[in-house]
Protein backbone atom coordinates (compact mmCIF):
# COMPACT_ATOMS: atom_id res chain seq x y z
CA MET A 1 4.51 8.30 -14.18
CA ARG A 2 7.32 5.87 -14.92
CA LEU A 3 9.18 4.02 -12.15
CA SER A 4 12.18 1.71 -12.08
CA ALA A 5 10.34 -0.64 -9.69
CA ARG A 6 8.93 -3.55 -11.68
CA ASN A 7 6.66 -4.90 -8.95
CA GLN A 8 3.55 -2.77 -9.55
CA ILE A 9 0.15 -4.23 -8.69
CA LYS A 10 -3.13 -2.39 -9.26
CA GLY A 11 -5.84 -2.62 -6.63
CA THR A 12 -8.49 -0.89 -4.56
CA VAL A 13 -8.03 0.67 -1.12
CA VAL A 14 -10.19 -1.22 1.38
CA GLU A 15 -9.08 0.49 4.60
CA VAL A 16 -7.08 3.47 5.82
CA LYS A 17 -6.25 3.31 9.52
CA LYS A 18 -4.63 6.55 10.71
CA GLY A 19 -2.39 6.64 13.77
CA ALA A 20 -0.63 9.58 15.40
CA THR A 21 1.81 10.07 12.50
CA THR A 22 1.53 6.98 10.31
CA SER A 23 -1.32 5.32 8.42
CA HIS A 24 -1.78 1.69 7.48
CA VAL A 25 -3.30 1.46 4.02
CA ARG A 26 -4.81 -1.89 3.01
CA VAL A 27 -5.13 -2.53 -0.72
CA ASP A 28 -7.10 -5.42 -2.24
CA ILE A 29 -5.07 -6.69 -5.20
CA GLY A 30 -7.58 -9.37 -6.18
CA GLY A 31 -7.97 -13.05 -5.51
CA GLY A 32 -8.60 -12.39 -1.82
CA GLN A 33 -5.11 -10.91 -1.39
CA ILE A 34 -4.54 -7.75 0.66
CA VAL A 35 -1.29 -5.76 0.72
CA THR A 36 -0.72 -3.39 3.65
CA SER A 37 1.52 -0.35 3.41
CA SER A 38 2.65 1.91 6.23
CA ILE A 39 2.96 5.52 5.05
CA THR A 40 2.79 8.94 6.67
CA ASN A 41 -0.54 10.62 7.35
CA GLU A 42 0.74 13.53 5.27
CA ALA A 43 1.23 11.22 2.26
CA VAL A 44 -2.31 9.84 2.68
CA ASP A 45 -3.71 13.38 2.70
CA ASP A 46 -1.53 14.64 -0.17
CA LEU A 47 -2.47 11.66 -2.38
CA GLY A 48 -6.14 11.77 -1.41
CA ILE A 49 -6.13 8.11 -0.42
CA LYS A 50 -9.45 6.84 0.95
CA THR A 51 -11.49 3.66 1.01
CA GLY A 52 -12.63 2.80 -2.50
CA SER A 53 -9.77 4.68 -4.20
CA LYS A 54 -7.88 2.94 -7.00
CA ALA A 55 -4.19 2.59 -6.17
CA THR A 56 -1.07 0.88 -7.42
CA VAL A 57 1.07 -0.98 -4.90
CA VAL A 58 4.74 -0.48 -5.75
CA ILE A 59 7.20 -2.88 -4.13
CA LYS A 60 10.89 -2.10 -4.30
CA ALA A 61 13.05 -4.18 -2.03
CA SER A 62 16.44 -5.79 -2.27
CA ASP A 63 15.53 -8.44 0.33
CA VAL A 64 12.40 -10.43 1.05
CA MET A 65 12.51 -12.28 4.36
CA ILE A 66 10.31 -15.05 5.72
CA ALA A 67 10.34 -16.34 9.29
CA VAL A 68 8.50 -19.26 10.88
CA ASP A 69 8.36 -20.72 14.38
């Protein structure tokens, strides 16, 4: 598959936490870094995502915000 998004990081799924309609998928991208994505439960099921699965994190955003107290 080819995508226009250039921010693609390969990793391994370390946790899938399902809620009522949405899952939080945690992906270890190496170096002790974890990226968390919030996707539908249907997407998790359709893609067969589970702990230990290989996955690619794709980040496509026009803004990146940071806030501090």
